[in-house]
Amino acid sequence: MVFVTGATGILGRVLVLELLKRGKRVRASKRSASDLKEVKHSYQFYTENPDDFFDKIEWVDVDFDDINSLQEALKGVQEVYHCAAKVSFHPKDEKEMYHTNIKGTENLLFACEGSDVTKFLHVSSVAVLDGFNEKGELDETSDFNPKIDHPAYAISKHLSEMEIWRASAEGLNTIIINPAIIIGSGNWNQSSGELFSTFEKNSFTFSGGSAYVDVRDVAKISVDLMDKGAFGERFILISESKRYAEVGKQIRSRLGLKDAKILSQTMLNVGRLANILFGWLIPQLKIVTKSNIESVTSFTTISNQKIKERLSYQFIPVSESIDFHLNNYINDKKLKN
């Protein structure tokens, strides 16, 4: 039996589907308020037999603050894929993010002790990587630097990783994956699922860029790594790095919208000053922080050589990934109208 946390998220749902395609029995965690109809609907984008696969999932409501709830969910489980996390870059979400990402991971690992779990894959983020190699790239040896100003999300993911390494040192077979921004279908209004709606709603973008990866690649690689027993290691999962303006142009052009204007760093610093002066009065300004400005104005090269060599894997190009999922986004909008 395989247990997947965060199974209604943009990655978790596809990971569950990938496991089912490979003949695995899957138990999937959800919140009591989760919309399973939306998850089931999104399966049509990934398979010709969405109902057949969806009906095989054993769904369980799990409270990550309740060890007994976690231990019950882990009964008969040998493998865990930990996708559940809070993703936000807004200061108001910091407390919840730290609790969900760090304490939730700690509790899940504690519940694994004394269970049948022998394999554990943790979904982290490229946001934890600092320090460049001799080629000027971030890679798996790039350690988190606590002296650098980081968004709370990156800090929460780093501290979550510390829990994984501790469990690894104590004997649990663990793997950490560090995906870039995940491009996927469904869950359009949460986390990385907001990629298309964000570029659609906003007529501005930023001078920097980010790395991207298709959700189908992340799901396949995760299962391959567990099956091959690549334990005690981390793996960066990215396809390519792209400027926000380039990604925005592709999305907005397909939606029949004008190219987004690029906000300069000077303009963003003015917004940061406004946040300092008026953030208490205008909540929207609170997201304009020093670390967030740095994130959206930088463009860093990240290496994916390790995973490509380990699995001889070829990633889906970002433009192809955007086309596929954007088409699903457009079709879903048509259904609602």
Protein backbone atom coordinates (compact mmCIF):
# COMPACT_ATOMS: atom_id res chain seq x y z
CA MET A 1 0.00 0.00 0.00
CA VAL A 2 1.20 3.51 -0.88
CA PHE A 3 0.14 6.62 1.03
CA VAL A 4 0.07 10.02 -0.70
CA THR A 5 -0.43 13.20 1.32
CA GLY A 6 -1.79 16.33 -0.30
CA ALA A 7 -3.47 14.11 -2.86
CA THR A 8 -5.96 16.76 -4.01
CA GLY A 9 -3.17 19.20 -4.89
CA ILE A 10 -1.87 19.84 -8.38
CA LEU A 11 0.98 17.33 -7.92
CA GLY A 12 -0.59 14.88 -5.46
CA ARG A 13 -3.51 14.03 -7.75
CA VAL A 14 -1.24 13.24 -10.71
CA LEU A 15 1.16 11.29 -8.51
CA VAL A 16 -1.76 9.15 -7.31
CA LEU A 17 -2.78 8.56 -10.93
CA GLU A 18 0.79 7.60 -11.91
CA LEU A 19 0.95 5.09 -9.05
CA LEU A 20 -2.39 3.59 -10.06
CA LYS A 21 -1.24 3.29 -13.67
CA ARG A 22 1.67 1.20 -12.38
CA GLY A 23 -0.65 -1.14 -10.52
CA LYS A 24 -0.06 0.20 -7.00
CA ARG A 25 -2.71 0.31 -4.30
CA VAL A 26 -3.09 3.90 -3.14
CA ARG A 27 -4.45 5.50 0.01
CA ALA A 28 -4.77 9.26 -0.40
CA SER A 29 -5.11 11.98 2.22
CA LYS A 30 -7.52 14.88 1.90
CA ARG A 31 -9.13 17.55 4.02
CA SER A 32 -12.76 17.12 5.00
CA ALA A 33 -13.61 20.13 2.84
CA SER A 34 -11.69 18.90 -0.24
CA ASP A 35 -13.53 18.94 -3.57
CA LEU A 36 -13.11 15.40 -4.91
CA LYS A 37 -15.38 16.13 -7.87
CA GLU A 38 -12.85 18.69 -9.08
CA VAL A 39 -10.03 16.17 -8.71
CA LYS A 40 -12.01 13.52 -10.59
CA HIS A 41 -12.82 16.05 -13.33
CA SER A 42 -9.14 16.89 -13.79
CA TYR A 43 -8.27 13.22 -14.41
CA GLN A 44 -9.87 13.48 -17.85
CA PHE A 45 -6.88 15.63 -18.86
CA TYR A 46 -4.43 12.83 -18.06
CA THR A 47 -6.15 9.57 -18.98
CA GLU A 48 -8.87 8.14 -21.19
CA ASN A 49 -10.23 6.18 -18.21
CA PRO A 50 -10.58 8.79 -15.45
CA ASP A 51 -13.46 7.10 -13.61
CA ASP A 52 -11.77 3.69 -13.57
CA PHE A 53 -8.65 5.07 -11.94
CA PHE A 54 -10.40 7.48 -9.58
CA ASP A 55 -12.65 4.74 -8.21
CA LYS A 56 -9.59 2.74 -7.12
CA ILE A 57 -8.39 5.45 -4.71
CA GLU A 58 -8.89 4.91 -0.99
CA TRP A 59 -9.53 8.42 0.34
CA VAL A 60 -8.98 9.23 4.01
CA ASP A 61 -9.42 12.43 6.00
CA VAL A 62 -6.23 13.10 7.94
CA ASP A 63 -5.49 15.59 10.71
CA PHE A 64 -1.74 16.24 10.67
CA ASP A 65 -1.95 17.57 14.23
CA ASP A 66 -3.34 14.23 15.43
CA ILE A 67 -0.72 11.47 15.67
CA ASN A 68 -3.43 8.83 16.09
CA SER A 69 -5.08 9.99 12.87
CA LEU A 70 -1.75 9.70 11.03
CA GLN A 71 -0.96 6.29 12.52
CA GLU A 72 -4.38 5.03 11.44
CA ALA A 73 -3.79 6.30 7.90
CA LEU A 74 -0.41 4.53 7.77
CA LYS A 75 -1.71 1.07 8.70
CA GLY A 76 -0.54 -1.42 6.08
CA VAL A 77 1.45 1.29 4.24
CA GLN A 78 4.99 0.60 3.00
CA GLU A 79 5.65 3.75 0.93
CA VAL A 80 4.83 7.42 1.62
CA TYR A 81 4.86 10.32 -0.84
CA HIS A 82 4.60 13.53 1.17
CA CYS A 83 3.17 16.25 -1.08
CA ALA A 84 1.03 18.12 1.47
CA ALA A 85 2.24 21.68 2.06
CA LYS A 86 1.11 25.26 2.39
CA VAL A 87 2.47 27.48 -0.40
CA SER A 88 2.24 31.26 0.00
CA PHE A 89 4.42 34.36 -0.26
CA HIS A 90 2.11 36.56 1.78
CA PRO A 91 3.24 37.47 5.32
CA LYS A 92 -0.23 36.79 6.71
CA ASP A 93 0.20 33.09 5.92
CA GLU A 94 3.59 32.66 7.58
CA LYS A 95 2.36 31.14 10.86
CA GLU A 96 0.09 28.63 9.10
CA MET A 97 2.83 27.80 6.61
CA TYR A 98 5.41 27.07 9.29
CA HIS A 99 2.95 24.90 11.18
CA THR A 100 1.73 22.96 8.15
CA ASN A 101 5.06 22.46 6.42
CA ILE A 102 7.33 21.85 9.40
CA LYS A 103 5.16 20.45 12.18
CA GLY A 104 3.05 18.46 9.72
CA THR A 105 6.18 16.79 8.33
CA GLU A 106 7.54 16.16 11.82
CA ASN A 107 4.30 14.53 12.94
CA LEU A 108 4.06 12.37 9.84
CA LEU A 109 7.61 11.09 10.32
CA PHE A 110 6.89 10.40 14.00
CA ALA A 111 3.83 8.38 12.95
CA CYS A 112 6.03 6.37 10.56
CA GLU A 113 8.07 5.10 13.52
CA GLY A 114 6.86 1.64 14.45
CA SER A 115 4.79 1.38 11.26
CA ASP A 116 5.40 -0.74 8.14
CA VAL A 117 6.72 2.29 6.22
CA THR A 118 10.12 1.61 4.63
CA LYS A 119 10.26 4.30 1.91
CA PHE A 120 9.53 8.01 2.19
CA LEU A 121 9.68 10.65 -0.57
CA HIS A 122 9.42 14.30 0.45
CA VAL A 123 8.43 17.06 -1.96
CA SER A 124 10.50 20.15 -1.21
CA SER A 125 11.31 23.07 -3.54
CA VAL A 126 14.15 24.71 -5.47
CA ALA A 127 13.46 27.70 -3.19
CA VAL A 128 15.76 26.15 -0.55
CA LEU A 129 18.84 26.16 -2.79
CA ASP A 130 21.64 28.69 -2.22
CA GLY A 131 25.25 28.77 -3.33
CA PHE A 132 26.44 28.35 -6.93
CA ASN A 133 28.72 25.68 -8.37
CA GLU A 134 31.75 26.40 -10.56
CA LYS A 135 29.45 26.85 -13.57
CA GLY A 136 27.44 29.54 -11.79
CA GLU A 137 24.46 27.22 -11.37
CA LEU A 138 22.44 25.97 -8.44
CA ASP A 139 22.61 22.21 -8.06
CA GLU A 140 22.03 19.51 -5.44
CA THR A 141 25.10 20.62 -3.49
CA SER A 142 23.73 24.15 -3.05
CA ASP A 143 23.12 24.36 0.69
CA PHE A 144 20.56 26.68 2.28
CA ASN A 145 22.28 29.82 3.59
CA PRO A 146 20.53 31.12 6.75
CA LYS A 147 22.39 34.44 6.46
CA ILE A 148 20.49 35.32 3.27
CA ASP A 149 17.03 36.89 3.43
CA HIS A 150 14.50 34.24 2.35
CA PRO A 151 10.73 34.18 1.93
CA ALA A 152 8.99 32.31 4.75
CA TYR A 153 8.02 29.56 2.29
CA ALA A 154 11.68 28.78 1.56
CA ILE A 155 12.50 28.73 5.29
CA SER A 156 9.60 26.39 6.02
CA LYS A 157 10.72 24.03 3.26
CA HIS A 158 14.32 24.07 4.48
CA LEU A 159 13.26 23.22 8.03
CA SER A 160 10.99 20.49 6.66
CA GLU A 161 13.99 19.03 4.88
CA MET A 162 15.90 19.02 8.17
CA GLU A 163 13.21 16.71 9.56
CA ILE A 164 13.68 14.38 6.57
CA TRP A 165 17.46 14.25 6.95
CA ARG A 166 17.03 13.51 10.66
CA ALA A 167 14.71 10.59 9.85
CA SER A 168 17.19 9.41 7.22
CA ALA A 169 20.00 9.42 9.78
CA GLU A 170 17.79 7.34 12.07
CA GLY A 171 17.34 4.66 9.40
CA LEU A 172 14.33 5.59 7.27
CA ASN A 173 14.85 5.29 3.50
CA THR A 174 14.18 8.84 2.31
CA ILE A 175 14.34 10.83 -0.92
CA ILE A 176 13.94 14.59 -1.33
CA ILE A 177 12.86 16.11 -4.61
CA ASN A 178 13.19 19.83 -5.29
CA PRO A 179 10.82 20.74 -8.12
CA ALA A 180 10.59 24.16 -9.71
CA ILE A 181 7.21 25.85 -10.34
CA ILE A 182 4.95 22.96 -11.30
CA ILE A 183 2.78 23.41 -14.39
CA GLY A 184 -0.37 21.29 -14.18
CA SER A 185 -4.11 21.11 -14.77
CA GLY A 186 -6.91 21.58 -12.27
CA ASN A 187 -6.85 23.21 -8.86
CA TRP A 188 -6.72 26.46 -10.83
CA ASN A 189 -7.11 28.79 -7.85
CA GLN A 190 -4.51 27.41 -5.46
CA SER A 191 -0.73 27.30 -5.27
CA SER A 192 1.00 26.74 -8.63
CA GLY A 193 -2.43 26.04 -10.13
CA GLU A 194 -2.84 29.82 -10.20
CA LEU A 195 -0.20 30.19 -12.93
CA PHE A 196 -2.67 30.79 -15.75
CA SER A 197 -5.22 32.87 -13.86
CA THR A 198 -2.43 35.07 -12.48
CA PHE A 199 -1.08 35.90 -15.92
CA GLU A 200 -4.62 36.35 -17.21
CA LYS A 201 -5.74 38.77 -14.49
CA ASN A 202 -2.59 40.87 -14.20
CA SER A 203 -1.47 43.18 -16.99
CA PHE A 204 1.99 43.46 -15.43
CA THR A 205 4.85 41.07 -14.76
CA PHE A 206 8.42 41.18 -13.44
CA SER A 207 11.93 41.43 -14.85
CA GLY A 208 13.17 38.16 -13.41
CA GLY A 209 12.31 34.59 -14.15
CA SER A 210 11.94 31.14 -12.70
CA ALA A 211 12.39 27.46 -13.44
CA TYR A 212 9.41 25.34 -14.44
CA VAL A 213 8.56 21.66 -14.67
CA ASP A 214 5.54 19.70 -15.90
CA VAL A 215 3.53 17.88 -13.24
CA ARG A 216 3.61 14.68 -15.32
CA ASP A 217 7.41 14.70 -15.21
CA VAL A 218 7.48 15.21 -11.43
CA ALA A 219 5.04 12.34 -10.86
CA LYS A 220 6.88 9.89 -13.12
CA ILE A 221 10.32 10.74 -11.74
CA SER A 222 9.11 10.48 -8.13
CA VAL A 223 7.85 6.93 -8.63
CA ASP A 224 10.96 5.96 -10.63
CA LEU A 225 13.25 7.19 -7.84
CA MET A 226 11.35 5.24 -5.20
CA ASP A 227 11.30 2.09 -7.33
CA LYS A 228 15.06 2.38 -7.98
CA GLY A 229 15.82 3.00 -4.29
CA ALA A 230 17.67 6.30 -4.72
CA PHE A 231 17.67 6.88 -0.97
CA GLY A 232 19.56 9.42 1.08
CA GLU A 233 19.71 11.88 -1.80
CA ARG A 234 18.03 14.98 -3.18
CA PHE A 235 17.10 15.58 -6.81
CA ILE A 236 16.33 18.87 -8.55
CA LEU A 237 13.41 18.56 -10.95
CA ILE A 238 13.24 21.30 -13.57
CA SER A 239 12.71 21.41 -17.31
CA GLU A 240 13.90 24.94 -18.15
CA SER A 241 14.23 28.42 -16.72
CA LYS A 242 12.15 31.13 -18.41
CA ARG A 243 11.68 34.86 -17.94
CA TYR A 244 8.28 35.76 -16.51
CA ALA A 245 7.72 38.03 -19.51
CA GLU A 246 8.26 35.10 -21.90
CA VAL A 247 5.86 32.82 -20.04
CA GLY A 248 3.35 35.65 -19.70
CA LYS A 249 3.56 36.41 -23.43
CA GLN A 250 2.76 32.81 -24.36
CA ILE A 251 -0.19 32.61 -21.96
CA ARG A 252 -1.67 36.04 -22.62
CA SER A 253 -1.28 35.73 -26.39
CA ARG A 254 -3.24 32.46 -26.36
CA LEU A 255 -5.93 34.17 -24.26
CA GLY A 256 -6.13 37.09 -26.71
CA LEU A 257 -4.60 39.60 -24.29
CA LYS A 258 -1.89 42.24 -24.72
CA ASP A 259 1.62 41.57 -23.45
CA ALA A 260 2.08 42.32 -19.77
CA LYS A 261 4.17 45.35 -18.80
CA ILE A 262 7.32 44.67 -16.83
CA LEU A 263 7.54 46.33 -13.41
CA SER A 264 11.08 47.58 -12.81
CA GLN A 265 12.96 46.98 -9.58
CA THR A 266 12.75 50.72 -8.90
CA MET A 267 8.96 50.57 -9.06
CA LEU A 268 8.92 47.55 -6.75
CA ASN A 269 11.17 49.32 -4.25
CA VAL A 270 8.71 52.21 -4.23
CA GLY A 271 6.02 49.65 -3.42
CA ARG A 272 8.18 48.29 -0.61
CA LEU A 273 8.52 51.78 0.85
CA ALA A 274 4.74 52.15 0.61
CA ASN A 275 4.41 48.84 2.44
CA ILE A 276 6.60 50.14 5.27
CA LEU A 277 4.58 53.34 5.51
CA PHE A 278 1.06 52.18 4.70
CA GLY A 279 1.06 48.38 4.92
CA TRP A 280 -0.98 48.57 8.12
CA LEU A 281 -3.64 50.49 6.17
CA ILE A 282 -3.50 48.72 2.78
CA PRO A 283 -3.11 44.94 3.29
CA GLN A 284 -2.31 44.32 -0.40
CA LEU A 285 1.01 46.13 0.06
CA LYS A 286 2.24 43.64 2.65
CA ILE A 287 3.35 41.19 -0.03
CA VAL A 288 5.90 43.73 -1.34
CA THR A 289 8.78 42.60 0.88
CA LYS A 290 12.53 42.67 0.30
CA SER A 291 12.79 38.89 -0.17
CA ASN A 292 9.79 38.80 -2.54
CA ILE A 293 11.27 41.62 -4.66
CA GLU A 294 14.53 39.70 -4.87
CA SER A 295 12.63 36.57 -5.95
CA VAL A 296 10.76 38.22 -8.84
CA THR A 297 13.67 40.29 -10.18
CA SER A 298 16.35 37.58 -10.18
CA PHE A 299 17.04 35.00 -12.88
CA THR A 300 19.05 32.02 -11.72
CA THR A 301 20.36 29.07 -13.69
CA ILE A 302 19.52 25.74 -12.07
CA SER A 303 21.09 22.44 -13.12
CA ASN A 304 18.99 19.35 -13.85
CA GLN A 305 21.95 17.21 -14.91
CA LYS A 306 21.83 14.85 -11.93
CA ILE A 307 18.31 13.54 -12.58
CA LYS A 308 18.78 13.49 -16.36
CA GLU A 309 21.86 11.33 -15.97
CA ARG A 310 20.47 9.12 -13.19
CA LEU A 311 17.29 8.21 -15.06
CA SER A 312 18.26 9.12 -18.65
CA TYR A 313 15.21 11.38 -18.45
CA GLN A 314 14.05 13.95 -20.99
CA PHE A 315 11.77 16.68 -19.63
CA ILE A 316 8.74 18.07 -21.43
CA PRO A 317 9.74 21.50 -22.84
CA VAL A 318 8.13 24.38 -20.93
CA SER A 319 6.39 25.83 -24.00
CA GLU A 320 4.84 22.44 -24.75
CA SER A 321 3.79 22.02 -21.13
CA ILE A 322 2.15 25.46 -21.07
CA ASP A 323 0.27 24.73 -24.30
CA PHE A 324 -1.12 21.46 -22.94
CA HIS A 325 -2.28 22.76 -19.56
CA LEU A 326 -3.39 26.17 -20.84
CA ASN A 327 -5.69 24.40 -23.28
CA ASN A 328 -7.21 22.52 -20.34
CA TYR A 329 -7.59 25.80 -18.44
CA ILE A 330 -9.40 27.41 -21.38
CA ASN A 331 -11.71 24.41 -21.83
CA ASP A 332 -12.56 24.43 -18.12
CA LYS A 333 -13.44 28.14 -18.34
CA LYS A 334 -15.75 27.44 -21.27
CA LEU A 335 -17.54 24.76 -19.25
CA LYS A 336 -18.22 27.25 -16.45
CA ASN A 337 -19.48 29.98 -18.78
